[in-house]
Amino acid sequence: MFVYPPELAEALLHFGLAPTPDTPPRFVRDALSDLYRYEIRALREKRVAGVIPKEDYIGHVIALRKKYWPLALTPEHWEQIVR
């Protein structure tokens, strides 16, 4: 049985992820990582297509990283904080 800290559980809800007590933390982190990769690739495609100017791209990347702050925690940290 896994207990997700309220701050992490709330952050995950913003991505449509609602882990149950039976959901392993690595599974949830992998799902979040998949969402991040999808968004970063879409962002890159917009830059290549000229929708986002090259000089503005880094700002968008930084905003995306802040949005996905739970990924700053390593898988080992996830296992330590999710008990």
C-alpha atoms as a PDB file:
ATOM      1  CA  MET A   1       0.000   0.000   0.000  1.00  0.00           C
ATOM      2  CA  PHE A   2       1.358   3.408  -1.043  1.00  0.00           C
ATOM      3  CA  VAL A   3       0.533   6.775   0.496  1.00  0.00           C
ATOM      4  CA  TYR A   4       1.288   9.771  -1.709  1.00  0.00           C
ATOM      5  CA  PRO A   5       2.064  13.029   0.136  1.00  0.00           C
ATOM      6  CA  PRO A   6      -0.742  15.571  -0.366  1.00  0.00           C
ATOM      7  CA  GLU A   7       1.466  18.046  -2.248  1.00  0.00           C
ATOM      8  CA  LEU A   8       2.575  15.383  -4.723  1.00  0.00           C
ATOM      9  CA  ALA A   9      -0.916  13.911  -5.103  1.00  0.00           C
ATOM     10  CA  GLU A  10      -2.328  17.374  -5.812  1.00  0.00           C
ATOM     11  CA  ALA A  11       0.374  18.085  -8.404  1.00  0.00           C
ATOM     12  CA  LEU A  12      -0.333  14.769 -10.119  1.00  0.00           C
ATOM     13  CA  LEU A  13      -4.040  15.582 -10.363  1.00  0.00           C
ATOM     14  CA  HIS A  14      -3.165  18.558 -12.589  1.00  0.00           C
ATOM     15  CA  PHE A  15      -1.857  16.023 -15.103  1.00  0.00           C
ATOM     16  CA  GLY A  16      -4.884  13.745 -14.807  1.00  0.00           C
ATOM     17  CA  LEU A  17      -2.987  11.235 -12.683  1.00  0.00           C
ATOM     18  CA  ALA A  18      -4.751   9.959  -9.583  1.00  0.00           C
ATOM     19  CA  PRO A  19      -2.703   7.083  -8.163  1.00  0.00           C
ATOM     20  CA  THR A  20      -4.471   4.665  -5.854  1.00  0.00           C
ATOM     21  CA  PRO A  21      -2.860   3.092  -2.785  1.00  0.00           C
ATOM     22  CA  ASP A  22      -2.012   0.139  -5.042  1.00  0.00           C
ATOM     23  CA  THR A  23      -0.198   2.220  -7.685  1.00  0.00           C
ATOM     24  CA  PRO A  24       3.602   1.913  -7.424  1.00  0.00           C
ATOM     25  CA  PRO A  25       5.458   5.247  -7.411  1.00  0.00           C
ATOM     26  CA  ARG A  26       7.722   4.260 -10.329  1.00  0.00           C
ATOM     27  CA  PHE A  27       4.676   3.542 -12.476  1.00  0.00           C
ATOM     28  CA  VAL A  28       3.250   7.007 -11.719  1.00  0.00           C
ATOM     29  CA  ARG A  29       6.598   8.713 -12.314  1.00  0.00           C
ATOM     30  CA  ASP A  30       6.985   6.895 -15.640  1.00  0.00           C
ATOM     31  CA  ALA A  31       3.498   8.016 -16.703  1.00  0.00           C
ATOM     32  CA  LEU A  32       4.341  11.612 -15.771  1.00  0.00           C
ATOM     33  CA  SER A  33       7.620  11.352 -17.656  1.00  0.00           C
ATOM     34  CA  ASP A  34       5.747  10.148 -20.748  1.00  0.00           C
ATOM     35  CA  LEU A  35       3.467  13.197 -20.560  1.00  0.00           C
ATOM     36  CA  TYR A  36       6.470  15.507 -20.205  1.00  0.00           C
ATOM     37  CA  ARG A  37       8.233  13.951 -23.199  1.00  0.00           C
ATOM     38  CA  TYR A  38       5.082  14.353 -25.275  1.00  0.00           C
ATOM     39  CA  GLU A  39       4.844  18.046 -24.369  1.00  0.00           C
ATOM     40  CA  ILE A  40       8.550  18.780 -24.870  1.00  0.00           C
ATOM     41  CA  ARG A  41       8.458  17.132 -28.310  1.00  0.00           C
ATOM     42  CA  ALA A  42       5.364  19.156 -29.249  1.00  0.00           C
ATOM     43  CA  LEU A  43       7.136  22.301 -28.070  1.00  0.00           C
ATOM     44  CA  ARG A  44      10.173  21.449 -30.188  1.00  0.00           C
ATOM     45  CA  GLU A  45       7.972  20.839 -33.222  1.00  0.00           C
ATOM     46  CA  LYS A  46       6.428  24.284 -32.738  1.00  0.00           C
ATOM     47  CA  ARG A  47       9.874  25.832 -32.610  1.00  0.00           C
ATOM     48  CA  VAL A  48      10.988  24.007 -35.761  1.00  0.00           C
ATOM     49  CA  ALA A  49       7.766  25.056 -37.530  1.00  0.00           C
ATOM     50  CA  GLY A  50       8.417  28.685 -36.583  1.00  0.00           C
ATOM     51  CA  VAL A  51       5.393  28.989 -34.309  1.00  0.00           C
ATOM     52  CA  ILE A  52       7.716  29.711 -31.386  1.00  0.00           C
ATOM     53  CA  PRO A  53      10.669  31.986 -32.153  1.00  0.00           C
ATOM     54  CA  LYS A  54      14.041  30.451 -31.363  1.00  0.00           C
ATOM     55  CA  GLU A  55      14.845  33.169 -28.818  1.00  0.00           C
ATOM     56  CA  ASP A  56      11.615  32.421 -26.897  1.00  0.00           C
ATOM     57  CA  TYR A  57      12.057  28.645 -26.881  1.00  0.00           C
ATOM     58  CA  ILE A  58      14.163  28.412 -23.715  1.00  0.00           C
ATOM     59  CA  GLY A  59      11.525  30.329 -21.765  1.00  0.00           C
ATOM     60  CA  HIS A  60       8.903  27.801 -22.832  1.00  0.00           C
ATOM     61  CA  VAL A  61      11.191  24.910 -21.875  1.00  0.00           C
ATOM     62  CA  ILE A  62      11.817  26.406 -18.426  1.00  0.00           C
ATOM     63  CA  ALA A  63       8.073  26.926 -17.886  1.00  0.00           C
ATOM     64  CA  LEU A  64       7.440  23.312 -18.872  1.00  0.00           C
ATOM     65  CA  ARG A  65      10.096  22.065 -16.444  1.00  0.00           C
ATOM     66  CA  LYS A  66       8.518  24.085 -13.640  1.00  0.00           C
ATOM     67  CA  LYS A  67       5.119  22.646 -14.519  1.00  0.00           C
ATOM     68  CA  TYR A  68       6.560  19.119 -14.259  1.00  0.00           C
ATOM     69  CA  TRP A  69       8.427  19.763 -10.999  1.00  0.00           C
ATOM     70  CA  PRO A  70       7.750  16.253  -9.596  1.00  0.00           C
ATOM     71  CA  LEU A  71      10.151  14.874 -12.212  1.00  0.00           C
ATOM     72  CA  ALA A  72      12.967  16.715 -10.450  1.00  0.00           C
ATOM     73  CA  LEU A  73      12.688  13.958  -7.849  1.00  0.00           C
ATOM     74  CA  THR A  74      14.602  10.843  -8.797  1.00  0.00           C
ATOM     75  CA  PRO A  75      12.795   7.485  -8.838  1.00  0.00           C
ATOM     76  CA  GLU A  76      14.591   6.656  -5.592  1.00  0.00           C
ATOM     77  CA  HIS A  77      13.231   9.827  -3.961  1.00  0.00           C
ATOM     78  CA  TRP A  78       9.730   8.931  -5.109  1.00  0.00           C
ATOM     79  CA  GLU A  79      10.062   5.583  -3.379  1.00  0.00           C
ATOM     80  CA  GLN A  80      11.306   7.278  -0.209  1.00  0.00           C
ATOM     81  CA  ILE A  81       8.520   9.862   0.047  1.00  0.00           C
ATOM     82  CA  VAL A  82       5.688   7.607  -1.133  1.00  0.00           C
ATOM     83  CA  ARG A  83       5.208   5.131   1.696  1.00  0.00           C
END
